[in-house]
Amino acid sequence: MLAEAFEILREIQARGRLAVIVGGAVRDLLLGRPLTDVDLATDMPLAELSSLFKTHAVGRSEKFDTVVIIRGGRAFEISRFRQGGQE
């Protein structure tokens, strides 16, 4: 799972954008727990993500600038970096 996440990060970073692993996966890695999912965050606009990857909408994705990318049979949620005040 982590290898696929790093592939996605490299593809985004190769286009001059920032991308990082976030959320529970970071905690689980630090605590030595098995990963159940890996979420990502980026400064790449969703339209650009959609031109680079096949993306899928999730829940309230428009409100939170989040899409899902399938890689290696796994789903990775990727969100745009958030600025304070978003609910």
Protein backbone atom coordinates (compact mmCIF):
# COMPACT_ATOMS: atom_id res chain seq x y z
CA MET A 1 0.00 0.00 0.00
CA LEU A 2 2.78 2.39 0.91
CA ALA A 3 4.61 1.71 -2.37
CA GLU A 4 1.53 2.70 -4.38
CA ALA A 5 1.12 5.86 -2.29
CA PHE A 6 4.72 6.83 -2.98
CA GLU A 7 4.16 6.27 -6.73
CA ILE A 8 1.26 8.73 -6.65
CA LEU A 9 3.35 11.25 -4.68
CA ARG A 10 6.24 10.98 -7.14
CA GLU A 11 3.95 11.54 -10.13
CA ILE A 12 2.51 14.68 -8.54
CA GLN A 13 5.91 15.97 -7.43
CA ALA A 14 7.34 15.37 -10.91
CA ARG A 15 4.95 18.08 -12.09
CA GLY A 16 6.34 20.59 -9.63
CA ARG A 17 3.55 20.19 -7.05
CA LEU A 18 3.69 19.33 -3.37
CA ALA A 19 2.20 16.07 -2.10
CA VAL A 20 2.47 14.29 1.26
CA ILE A 21 1.04 11.39 3.24
CA VAL A 22 -1.34 12.62 5.97
CA GLY A 23 -3.71 11.44 8.66
CA GLY A 24 -3.90 8.10 10.39
CA ALA A 25 -1.29 6.49 8.15
CA VAL A 26 1.36 8.80 9.58
CA ARG A 27 0.32 7.91 13.13
CA ASP A 28 0.22 4.20 12.35
CA LEU A 29 3.65 4.25 10.69
CA LEU A 30 5.17 6.02 13.70
CA LEU A 31 3.56 3.56 16.12
CA GLY A 32 4.49 0.51 14.05
CA ARG A 33 0.86 -0.42 13.41
CA PRO A 34 -0.33 -2.04 10.19
CA LEU A 35 -1.73 0.39 7.64
CA THR A 36 -5.40 0.13 6.78
CA ASP A 37 -5.45 3.10 4.40
CA VAL A 38 -3.22 5.93 3.22
CA ASP A 39 -4.55 9.45 2.68
CA LEU A 40 -2.66 12.07 0.72
CA ALA A 41 -2.72 15.86 0.47
CA THR A 42 -1.49 18.10 -2.34
CA ASP A 43 -1.51 21.62 -3.70
CA MET A 44 -2.45 20.29 -7.16
CA PRO A 45 -5.91 21.49 -8.29
CA LEU A 46 -8.50 18.73 -8.69
CA ALA A 47 -8.82 19.41 -12.41
CA GLU A 48 -5.09 18.80 -12.81
CA LEU A 49 -5.29 15.64 -10.66
CA SER A 50 -8.13 14.40 -12.87
CA SER A 51 -6.03 14.95 -15.99
CA LEU A 52 -3.13 13.02 -14.44
CA PHE A 53 -5.10 10.16 -12.82
CA LYS A 54 -8.50 8.56 -13.20
CA THR A 55 -10.28 10.04 -10.19
CA HIS A 56 -13.55 9.24 -8.45
CA ALA A 57 -15.73 11.55 -6.37
CA VAL A 58 -16.38 10.64 -2.74
CA GLY A 59 -19.05 11.82 -0.34
CA ARG A 60 -18.84 15.58 -0.04
CA SER A 61 -15.76 15.73 -2.26
CA GLU A 62 -16.58 19.10 -3.82
CA LYS A 63 -16.81 20.78 -0.43
CA PHE A 64 -13.52 19.29 0.77
CA ASP A 65 -11.61 19.17 -2.55
CA THR A 66 -11.15 15.40 -2.22
CA VAL A 67 -11.04 12.65 -4.82
CA VAL A 68 -10.12 8.98 -4.81
CA ILE A 69 -7.38 7.51 -6.97
CA ILE A 70 -7.24 3.74 -7.45
CA ARG A 71 -3.73 2.33 -7.61
CA GLY A 72 -2.72 -1.31 -7.26
CA GLY A 73 -6.32 -2.24 -6.44
CA ARG A 74 -6.36 0.15 -3.47
CA ALA A 75 -8.24 3.41 -3.03
CA PHE A 76 -6.29 6.49 -1.97
CA GLU A 77 -8.15 9.62 -0.88
CA ILE A 78 -6.30 12.74 -1.95
CA SER A 79 -7.33 16.20 -0.79
CA ARG A 80 -6.09 19.66 -1.53
CA PHE A 81 -4.22 21.33 1.29
CA ARG A 82 -6.72 23.04 3.57
CA GLN A 83 -6.58 26.51 4.94
CA GLY A 84 -8.02 27.31 8.36
CA GLY A 85 -11.77 27.67 8.80
CA GLN A 86 -13.00 24.94 6.47
CA GLU A 87 -15.64 22.68 8.02
